[in-house]
């Protein structure tokens, strides 16, 4: 049996294929924040809830705590550059990015496959992350013919059926 290390854990998690999303929020002045995230999952149908997990060192953490809202923007084929951009520390992530203010005020990115807007209903500590439970307030469904999400598997982007 191998010793459990952060590197081994990260490698093992890489075998879990995930969707790619950019989670967005705003600060109390309305400035947009966001980060690329795959730690996203549905929690409950009644009421409709989602869970996201935000790193304690993320620049997006405090604005999300203060605003109490977040948007989950599921990315589609051709949005890998956007994903890469939001995965890095940068105070100007939204420069040149097209988005609308959603029903909650959180940015909804153009070109998404799916957008889910939530109001934070609870926050819990989770190791080096904070776990946010969000009650779904609005959903923007895609045209089913154009819903082609990108996936992340073993450190690389992939497409369904690829």
N, C-alpha and C. Protein backbone atom coordinates (compact mmCIF):
# COMPACT_ATOMS: atom_id res chain seq x y z
N UNK A 1 0.84 -1.18 0.00
CA UNK A 1 0.00 0.00 0.00
C UNK A 1 0.89 1.24 0.00
N UNK A 2 0.58 2.21 -0.87
CA UNK A 2 1.38 3.42 -0.95
C UNK A 2 0.96 4.41 0.14
N UNK A 3 1.92 5.24 0.51
CA UNK A 3 1.66 6.26 1.53
C UNK A 3 0.81 7.36 0.92
N UNK A 4 -0.21 7.78 1.64
CA UNK A 4 -1.10 8.83 1.16
C UNK A 4 -0.41 10.18 1.28
N UNK A 5 -0.18 10.82 0.16
CA UNK A 5 0.44 12.14 0.13
C UNK A 5 -0.46 13.07 -0.68
N UNK A 6 -0.27 14.38 -0.54
CA UNK A 6 -1.06 15.30 -1.37
C UNK A 6 -0.88 15.04 -2.86
N UNK A 7 0.33 14.67 -3.27
CA UNK A 7 0.59 14.40 -4.69
C UNK A 7 -0.18 13.17 -5.18
N UNK A 8 -0.17 12.11 -4.36
CA UNK A 8 -0.91 10.90 -4.72
C UNK A 8 -2.41 11.18 -4.76
N UNK A 9 -2.89 11.91 -3.79
CA UNK A 9 -4.32 12.25 -3.75
C UNK A 9 -4.71 13.05 -4.99
N UNK A 10 -3.89 14.05 -5.35
CA UNK A 10 -4.17 14.87 -6.53
C UNK A 10 -4.18 14.00 -7.79
N UNK A 11 -3.20 13.09 -7.89
CA UNK A 11 -3.13 12.20 -9.06
C UNK A 11 -4.37 11.31 -9.13
N UNK A 12 -4.77 10.75 -8.00
CA UNK A 12 -5.96 9.90 -7.96
C UNK A 12 -7.20 10.68 -8.36
N UNK A 13 -7.33 11.90 -7.88
CA UNK A 13 -8.49 12.73 -8.23
C UNK A 13 -8.53 13.02 -9.73
N UNK A 14 -7.36 13.04 -10.37
CA UNK A 14 -7.29 13.28 -11.81
C UNK A 14 -7.98 12.21 -12.63
N UNK A 15 -8.18 11.04 -12.05
CA UNK A 15 -8.88 9.96 -12.75
C UNK A 15 -10.40 10.09 -12.65
N UNK A 16 -10.85 11.09 -11.94
CA UNK A 16 -12.29 11.35 -11.84
C UNK A 16 -12.61 12.40 -12.89
N UNK A 17 -13.22 12.00 -13.99
CA UNK A 17 -13.56 12.94 -15.05
C UNK A 17 -14.61 13.92 -14.53
N UNK A 18 -14.36 15.20 -14.78
CA UNK A 18 -15.29 16.22 -14.29
C UNK A 18 -15.64 17.19 -15.41
N UNK A 19 -16.75 17.87 -15.22
CA UNK A 19 -17.07 19.00 -16.06
C UNK A 19 -16.19 20.16 -15.65
N UNK A 20 -16.10 21.16 -16.51
CA UNK A 20 -15.30 22.34 -16.24
C UNK A 20 -16.23 23.53 -16.12
N UNK A 21 -16.11 24.26 -15.02
CA UNK A 21 -16.95 25.42 -14.83
C UNK A 21 -16.13 26.59 -14.31
N UNK A 22 -16.67 27.76 -14.52
CA UNK A 22 -16.14 28.96 -13.89
C UNK A 22 -17.22 29.42 -12.92
N UNK A 23 -16.84 29.47 -11.65
CA UNK A 23 -17.75 29.94 -10.62
C UNK A 23 -17.49 31.43 -10.44
N UNK A 24 -18.56 32.20 -10.47
CA UNK A 24 -18.44 33.65 -10.42
C UNK A 24 -19.20 34.22 -9.23
N UNK A 25 -18.80 35.41 -8.84
CA UNK A 25 -19.49 36.14 -7.78
C UNK A 25 -19.17 37.62 -7.96
N UNK A 26 -19.62 38.44 -7.06
CA UNK A 26 -19.32 39.87 -7.07
C UNK A 26 -18.98 40.30 -5.65
N UNK A 27 -18.23 41.40 -5.55
CA UNK A 27 -18.01 41.95 -4.21
C UNK A 27 -19.14 42.93 -3.91
N UNK A 28 -19.10 43.56 -2.77
CA UNK A 28 -20.20 44.46 -2.37
C UNK A 28 -20.27 45.70 -3.25
N UNK A 29 -19.21 46.01 -4.02
CA UNK A 29 -19.23 47.13 -4.95
C UNK A 29 -19.63 46.70 -6.36
N UNK A 30 -19.90 45.40 -6.54
CA UNK A 30 -20.30 44.90 -7.85
C UNK A 30 -19.17 44.45 -8.74
N UNK A 31 -17.92 44.48 -8.25
CA UNK A 31 -16.79 44.01 -9.05
C UNK A 31 -16.88 42.50 -9.19
N UNK A 32 -16.73 41.98 -10.44
CA UNK A 32 -16.84 40.53 -10.64
C UNK A 32 -15.57 39.79 -10.24
N UNK A 33 -15.76 38.60 -9.73
CA UNK A 33 -14.68 37.68 -9.37
C UNK A 33 -15.06 36.31 -9.92
N UNK A 34 -14.06 35.47 -10.15
CA UNK A 34 -14.36 34.13 -10.62
C UNK A 34 -13.13 33.24 -10.61
N UNK A 35 -13.37 31.95 -10.67
CA UNK A 35 -12.30 30.96 -10.71
C UNK A 35 -12.79 29.71 -11.41
N UNK A 36 -11.85 29.04 -12.06
CA UNK A 36 -12.14 27.76 -12.69
C UNK A 36 -12.27 26.71 -11.59
N UNK A 37 -13.29 25.87 -11.71
CA UNK A 37 -13.56 24.93 -10.64
C UNK A 37 -14.16 23.64 -11.18
N UNK A 38 -13.73 22.52 -10.61
CA UNK A 38 -14.41 21.26 -10.89
C UNK A 38 -15.01 20.67 -9.62
N UNK A 39 -14.79 21.34 -8.47
CA UNK A 39 -15.38 20.88 -7.21
C UNK A 39 -16.79 21.44 -7.10
N UNK A 40 -17.67 20.93 -7.97
CA UNK A 40 -19.06 21.38 -8.06
C UNK A 40 -19.94 20.15 -8.13
N UNK A 41 -21.01 20.13 -7.33
CA UNK A 41 -21.92 18.99 -7.42
C UNK A 41 -23.31 19.37 -6.92
N UNK A 42 -24.30 18.71 -7.46
CA UNK A 42 -25.66 18.90 -6.95
C UNK A 42 -25.77 18.21 -5.61
N UNK A 43 -26.64 18.74 -4.76
CA UNK A 43 -26.81 18.20 -3.42
C UNK A 43 -28.23 17.72 -3.17
N UNK A 44 -29.22 18.50 -3.60
CA UNK A 44 -30.60 18.20 -3.24
C UNK A 44 -31.54 18.68 -4.34
N UNK A 45 -32.63 17.91 -4.52
CA UNK A 45 -33.68 18.34 -5.46
C UNK A 45 -34.71 19.24 -4.80
N UNK A 46 -35.00 18.98 -3.52
CA UNK A 46 -36.03 19.75 -2.82
C UNK A 46 -35.52 20.11 -1.42
N UNK A 47 -35.03 21.31 -1.21
CA UNK A 47 -34.90 22.39 -2.19
C UNK A 47 -33.72 22.12 -3.12
N UNK A 48 -33.71 22.79 -4.28
CA UNK A 48 -32.60 22.60 -5.21
C UNK A 48 -31.33 23.24 -4.65
N UNK A 49 -30.29 22.41 -4.40
CA UNK A 49 -29.04 22.89 -3.81
C UNK A 49 -27.84 22.39 -4.59
N UNK A 50 -26.79 23.20 -4.61
CA UNK A 50 -25.49 22.84 -5.16
C UNK A 50 -24.43 23.07 -4.11
N UNK A 51 -23.32 22.33 -4.24
CA UNK A 51 -22.15 22.52 -3.38
C UNK A 51 -20.99 22.94 -4.27
N UNK A 52 -20.25 23.96 -3.81
CA UNK A 52 -18.98 24.29 -4.44
C UNK A 52 -17.93 24.36 -3.33
N UNK A 53 -16.68 24.12 -3.68
CA UNK A 53 -15.59 24.13 -2.71
C UNK A 53 -14.54 25.12 -3.18
N UNK A 54 -14.27 26.15 -2.35
CA UNK A 54 -13.39 27.25 -2.71
C UNK A 54 -12.15 27.21 -1.82
N UNK A 55 -10.99 27.24 -2.45
CA UNK A 55 -9.71 27.24 -1.74
C UNK A 55 -9.63 28.43 -0.78
N UNK A 56 -9.10 28.18 0.41
CA UNK A 56 -8.97 29.24 1.41
C UNK A 56 -8.10 30.40 0.94
N UNK A 57 -7.23 30.17 -0.05
CA UNK A 57 -6.34 31.22 -0.56
C UNK A 57 -6.91 31.93 -1.79
N UNK A 58 -8.09 31.56 -2.21
CA UNK A 58 -8.67 32.14 -3.42
C UNK A 58 -9.08 33.59 -3.21
N UNK A 59 -8.82 34.41 -4.22
CA UNK A 59 -9.25 35.81 -4.20
C UNK A 59 -10.77 35.93 -4.29
N UNK A 60 -11.43 34.88 -4.70
CA UNK A 60 -12.88 34.89 -4.86
C UNK A 60 -13.60 34.57 -3.55
N UNK A 61 -12.91 34.00 -2.58
CA UNK A 61 -13.54 33.54 -1.34
C UNK A 61 -14.24 34.66 -0.57
N UNK A 62 -13.55 35.72 -0.24
CA UNK A 62 -14.15 36.78 0.57
C UNK A 62 -15.29 37.51 -0.15
N UNK A 63 -15.13 37.86 -1.44
CA UNK A 63 -16.28 38.46 -2.13
C UNK A 63 -17.52 37.55 -2.11
N UNK A 64 -17.32 36.23 -2.24
CA UNK A 64 -18.45 35.31 -2.22
C UNK A 64 -19.10 35.27 -0.84
N UNK A 65 -18.28 35.26 0.19
CA UNK A 65 -18.82 35.29 1.55
C UNK A 65 -19.66 36.54 1.78
N UNK A 66 -19.14 37.67 1.32
CA UNK A 66 -19.82 38.95 1.58
C UNK A 66 -21.08 39.13 0.74
N UNK A 67 -21.01 38.74 -0.55
CA UNK A 67 -22.18 38.94 -1.41
C UNK A 67 -23.25 37.89 -1.18
N UNK A 68 -22.81 36.68 -0.80
CA UNK A 68 -23.76 35.60 -0.56
C UNK A 68 -24.37 35.02 -1.81
N UNK A 69 -23.71 35.22 -2.97
CA UNK A 69 -24.22 34.66 -4.23
C UNK A 69 -23.08 34.08 -5.03
N UNK A 70 -23.41 33.12 -5.89
CA UNK A 70 -22.44 32.62 -6.86
C UNK A 70 -23.17 32.06 -8.07
N UNK A 71 -22.45 32.06 -9.20
CA UNK A 71 -22.95 31.48 -10.43
C UNK A 71 -22.03 30.36 -10.87
N UNK A 72 -22.60 29.30 -11.35
CA UNK A 72 -21.84 28.18 -11.90
C UNK A 72 -22.03 28.23 -13.41
N UNK A 73 -20.95 28.50 -14.13
CA UNK A 73 -20.98 28.60 -15.58
C UNK A 73 -20.28 27.38 -16.15
N UNK A 74 -21.04 26.40 -16.63
CA UNK A 74 -20.47 25.18 -17.20
C UNK A 74 -19.96 25.53 -18.60
N UNK A 75 -18.68 25.23 -18.85
CA UNK A 75 -18.04 25.62 -20.09
C UNK A 75 -18.23 24.59 -21.19
N UNK A 76 -18.18 25.09 -22.41
CA UNK A 76 -18.34 24.22 -23.57
C UNK A 76 -17.08 24.14 -24.39
N UNK A 77 -17.14 23.31 -25.43
CA UNK A 77 -16.02 23.16 -26.35
C UNK A 77 -15.59 24.54 -26.85
N UNK A 78 -14.31 24.74 -26.95
CA UNK A 78 -13.80 26.01 -27.41
C UNK A 78 -13.57 27.03 -26.31
N UNK A 79 -13.88 26.69 -25.07
CA UNK A 79 -13.69 27.64 -23.97
C UNK A 79 -12.52 27.25 -23.05
N UNK A 80 -11.60 26.45 -23.57
CA UNK A 80 -10.45 26.04 -22.77
C UNK A 80 -9.58 27.23 -22.37
N UNK A 81 -9.39 28.20 -23.27
CA UNK A 81 -8.57 29.37 -22.93
C UNK A 81 -9.20 30.16 -21.78
N UNK A 82 -10.52 30.27 -21.80
CA UNK A 82 -11.22 30.95 -20.71
C UNK A 82 -11.00 30.20 -19.40
N UNK A 83 -11.11 28.89 -19.45
CA UNK A 83 -10.86 28.06 -18.26
C UNK A 83 -9.45 28.28 -17.74
N UNK A 84 -8.47 28.25 -18.63
CA UNK A 84 -7.08 28.45 -18.23
C UNK A 84 -6.86 29.82 -17.62
N UNK A 85 -7.48 30.84 -18.19
CA UNK A 85 -7.33 32.20 -17.70
C UNK A 85 -7.88 32.35 -16.27
N UNK A 86 -9.03 31.76 -16.01
CA UNK A 86 -9.66 31.88 -14.69
C UNK A 86 -9.03 30.94 -13.66
N UNK A 87 -8.17 30.02 -14.12
CA UNK A 87 -7.49 29.11 -13.20
C UNK A 87 -6.26 29.75 -12.56
N UNK A 88 -5.86 30.92 -13.06
CA UNK A 88 -4.65 31.59 -12.57
C UNK A 88 -5.02 32.81 -11.74
N UNK A 89 -4.12 33.17 -10.82
CA UNK A 89 -4.28 34.41 -10.06
C UNK A 89 -4.11 35.57 -11.02
N UNK A 90 -5.09 36.46 -11.04
CA UNK A 90 -5.05 37.63 -11.90
C UNK A 90 -6.16 38.57 -11.45
N UNK A 91 -5.84 39.79 -11.07
CA UNK A 91 -6.89 40.71 -10.61
C UNK A 91 -7.81 41.19 -11.73
N UNK A 92 -7.45 40.94 -12.98
CA UNK A 92 -8.24 41.42 -14.12
C UNK A 92 -8.78 40.27 -14.97
N UNK A 93 -9.26 39.22 -14.34
CA UNK A 93 -9.73 38.05 -15.08
C UNK A 93 -10.86 38.37 -16.05
N UNK A 94 -11.65 39.37 -15.74
CA UNK A 94 -12.83 39.66 -16.55
C UNK A 94 -12.54 40.62 -17.71
N UNK A 95 -11.30 41.12 -17.83
CA UNK A 95 -10.97 41.99 -18.95
C UNK A 95 -11.21 41.27 -20.26
N UNK A 96 -12.05 41.83 -21.10
CA UNK A 96 -12.34 41.25 -22.41
C UNK A 96 -13.30 40.07 -22.39
N UNK A 97 -13.82 39.71 -21.21
CA UNK A 97 -14.73 38.57 -21.09
C UNK A 97 -16.17 39.08 -21.17
N UNK A 98 -16.95 38.50 -22.06
CA UNK A 98 -18.35 38.91 -22.22
C UNK A 98 -19.21 38.17 -21.20
N UNK A 99 -20.00 38.95 -20.45
CA UNK A 99 -20.91 38.38 -19.46
C UNK A 99 -22.06 39.34 -19.21
N UNK A 100 -23.11 38.79 -18.64
CA UNK A 100 -24.25 39.58 -18.18
C UNK A 100 -24.37 39.40 -16.68
N UNK A 101 -24.98 40.36 -16.03
CA UNK A 101 -25.32 40.20 -14.61
C UNK A 101 -26.54 39.28 -14.56
N UNK A 102 -26.43 38.23 -13.78
CA UNK A 102 -27.54 37.29 -13.65
C UNK A 102 -28.60 37.81 -12.69
N UNK A 103 -29.57 37.00 -12.42
CA UNK A 103 -30.67 37.35 -11.51
C UNK A 103 -30.18 37.62 -10.10
N UNK A 104 -29.09 36.98 -9.71
CA UNK A 104 -28.53 37.18 -8.37
C UNK A 104 -27.48 38.28 -8.34
N UNK A 105 -27.07 38.76 -9.50
CA UNK A 105 -25.99 39.73 -9.60
C UNK A 105 -24.67 39.10 -9.97
N UNK A 106 -24.56 37.78 -9.83
CA UNK A 106 -23.33 37.08 -10.20
C UNK A 106 -23.18 37.09 -11.72
N UNK A 107 -21.96 37.20 -12.23
CA UNK A 107 -21.76 37.18 -13.68
C UNK A 107 -22.15 35.84 -14.31
N UNK A 108 -22.87 35.93 -15.43
CA UNK A 108 -23.20 34.78 -16.25
C UNK A 108 -22.43 34.96 -17.56
N UNK A 109 -21.49 34.07 -17.80
CA UNK A 109 -20.59 34.19 -18.95
C UNK A 109 -21.29 33.85 -20.25
N UNK A 110 -20.97 34.58 -21.28
CA UNK A 110 -21.49 34.27 -22.61
C UNK A 110 -20.85 32.97 -23.09
N UNK A 111 -21.60 32.18 -23.85
CA UNK A 111 -21.09 30.95 -24.43
C UNK A 111 -21.14 29.75 -23.51
N UNK A 112 -21.72 29.90 -22.33
CA UNK A 112 -21.80 28.77 -21.40
C UNK A 112 -22.69 27.66 -21.95
N UNK A 113 -22.48 26.46 -21.47
CA UNK A 113 -23.36 25.34 -21.79
C UNK A 113 -24.56 25.37 -20.85
N UNK A 114 -24.32 25.77 -19.63
CA UNK A 114 -25.35 25.82 -18.60
C UNK A 114 -24.92 26.84 -17.57
N UNK A 115 -25.87 27.62 -17.07
CA UNK A 115 -25.57 28.57 -15.99
C UNK A 115 -26.57 28.35 -14.86
N UNK A 116 -26.03 28.23 -13.65
CA UNK A 116 -26.86 28.02 -12.45
C UNK A 116 -26.50 29.11 -11.46
N UNK A 117 -27.48 29.88 -11.03
CA UNK A 117 -27.24 30.95 -10.08
C UNK A 117 -27.77 30.54 -8.72
N UNK A 118 -26.96 30.80 -7.70
CA UNK A 118 -27.30 30.36 -6.34
C UNK A 118 -27.14 31.48 -5.33
N UNK A 119 -27.91 31.39 -4.26
CA UNK A 119 -27.73 32.21 -3.08
C UNK A 119 -27.15 31.29 -2.01
N UNK A 120 -26.08 31.73 -1.34
CA UNK A 120 -25.42 30.92 -0.33
C UNK A 120 -26.38 30.70 0.84
N UNK A 121 -26.58 29.43 1.21
CA UNK A 121 -27.43 29.11 2.36
C UNK A 121 -26.63 28.60 3.55
N UNK A 122 -25.39 28.13 3.31
CA UNK A 122 -24.54 27.66 4.41
C UNK A 122 -23.10 27.59 3.92
N UNK A 123 -22.17 27.71 4.86
CA UNK A 123 -20.74 27.58 4.58
C UNK A 123 -20.13 26.73 5.68
N UNK A 124 -19.25 25.81 5.28
CA UNK A 124 -18.59 24.91 6.23
C UNK A 124 -17.10 24.84 5.93
N UNK A 125 -16.28 24.70 6.96
CA UNK A 125 -14.85 24.48 6.71
C UNK A 125 -14.64 23.08 6.16
N UNK A 126 -13.69 22.95 5.25
CA UNK A 126 -13.37 21.65 4.67
C UNK A 126 -11.89 21.56 4.34
N UNK A 127 -11.06 21.37 5.36
CA UNK A 127 -9.62 21.29 5.13
C UNK A 127 -9.09 22.61 4.62
N UNK A 128 -8.43 22.57 3.44
CA UNK A 128 -7.88 23.81 2.89
C UNK A 128 -8.89 24.54 1.99
N UNK A 129 -10.16 24.17 2.08
CA UNK A 129 -11.23 24.80 1.32
C UNK A 129 -12.39 25.19 2.24
N UNK A 130 -13.27 26.02 1.70
CA UNK A 130 -14.55 26.31 2.32
C UNK A 130 -15.63 25.69 1.44
N UNK A 131 -16.59 25.05 2.05
CA UNK A 131 -17.69 24.39 1.33
C UNK A 131 -18.89 25.32 1.37
N UNK A 132 -19.36 25.73 0.22
CA UNK A 132 -20.53 26.60 0.11
C UNK A 132 -21.71 25.77 -0.37
N UNK A 133 -22.80 25.86 0.34
CA UNK A 133 -24.06 25.28 -0.12
C UNK A 133 -24.88 26.44 -0.67
N UNK A 134 -25.32 26.27 -1.90
CA UNK A 134 -26.10 27.33 -2.54
C UNK A 134 -27.46 26.86 -2.95
N UNK A 135 -28.46 27.66 -2.61
CA UNK A 135 -29.82 27.37 -3.06
C UNK A 135 -30.00 27.96 -4.45
N UNK A 136 -30.41 27.11 -5.39
CA UNK A 136 -30.55 27.53 -6.78
C UNK A 136 -31.68 28.55 -6.89
N UNK A 137 -31.36 29.68 -7.53
CA UNK A 137 -32.32 30.76 -7.75
C UNK A 137 -32.72 30.90 -9.20
N UNK A 138 -31.83 30.49 -10.11
CA UNK A 138 -32.14 30.61 -11.54
C UNK A 138 -31.26 29.64 -12.32
N UNK A 139 -31.81 29.08 -13.39
CA UNK A 139 -31.08 28.17 -14.28
C UNK A 139 -31.28 28.64 -15.72
N UNK A 140 -30.19 28.72 -16.47
CA UNK A 140 -30.25 29.01 -17.91
C UNK A 140 -29.85 27.74 -18.64
N UNK A 141 -30.84 27.06 -19.20
CA UNK A 141 -30.58 25.82 -19.94
C UNK A 141 -30.12 26.16 -21.35
N UNK A 142 -29.27 25.32 -21.91
CA UNK A 142 -28.79 25.55 -23.27
C UNK A 142 -29.75 24.98 -24.30
N UNK A 143 -29.48 25.34 -25.54
CA UNK A 143 -30.12 24.65 -26.65
C UNK A 143 -29.49 23.26 -26.69
N UNK A 144 -30.29 22.18 -26.55
CA UNK A 144 -29.72 20.83 -26.48
C UNK A 144 -28.80 20.48 -27.65
N UNK A 145 -29.03 21.07 -28.81
CA UNK A 145 -28.20 20.78 -29.98
C UNK A 145 -26.80 21.37 -29.85
N UNK A 146 -26.66 22.42 -29.04
CA UNK A 146 -25.38 23.10 -28.90
C UNK A 146 -24.71 22.83 -27.56
N UNK A 147 -25.24 21.93 -26.77
CA UNK A 147 -24.71 21.66 -25.44
C UNK A 147 -23.58 20.64 -25.53
N UNK A 148 -22.38 21.11 -25.76
CA UNK A 148 -21.22 20.25 -25.87
C UNK A 148 -20.20 20.67 -24.81
N UNK A 149 -20.28 20.09 -23.62
CA UNK A 149 -19.39 20.50 -22.54
C UNK A 149 -17.97 19.97 -22.74
N UNK A 150 -17.02 20.66 -22.12
CA UNK A 150 -15.67 20.12 -22.05
C UNK A 150 -15.52 19.40 -20.72
N UNK A 151 -14.68 18.40 -20.73
CA UNK A 151 -14.40 17.63 -19.53
C UNK A 151 -12.93 17.78 -19.18
N UNK A 152 -12.60 17.42 -17.95
CA UNK A 152 -11.21 17.43 -17.50
C UNK A 152 -10.89 16.05 -16.95
N UNK A 153 -9.84 15.43 -17.50
CA UNK A 153 -9.47 14.08 -17.11
C UNK A 153 -7.96 13.93 -17.18
N UNK A 154 -7.34 13.51 -16.08
CA UNK A 154 -5.90 13.28 -15.99
C UNK A 154 -5.09 14.50 -16.45
N UNK A 155 -5.56 15.68 -16.03
CA UNK A 155 -4.80 16.89 -16.30
C UNK A 155 -4.95 17.47 -17.68
N UNK A 156 -5.95 16.98 -18.45
CA UNK A 156 -6.16 17.45 -19.80
C UNK A 156 -7.64 17.67 -20.07
N UNK A 157 -7.91 18.53 -21.03
CA UNK A 157 -9.28 18.74 -21.48
C UNK A 157 -9.67 17.61 -22.42
N UNK A 158 -10.94 17.29 -22.42
CA UNK A 158 -11.47 16.25 -23.29
C UNK A 158 -12.89 16.62 -23.68
N UNK A 159 -13.40 15.97 -24.68
CA UNK A 159 -14.78 16.15 -25.11
C UNK A 159 -15.50 14.82 -24.96
N UNK A 160 -16.80 14.87 -24.86
CA UNK A 160 -17.58 13.64 -24.77
C UNK A 160 -17.33 12.81 -26.03
N UNK A 161 -17.12 11.53 -25.85
CA UNK A 161 -16.92 10.65 -27.00
C UNK A 161 -15.52 10.71 -27.58
N UNK A 162 -14.67 11.57 -26.97
CA UNK A 162 -13.31 11.71 -27.54
C UNK A 162 -12.38 10.66 -26.97
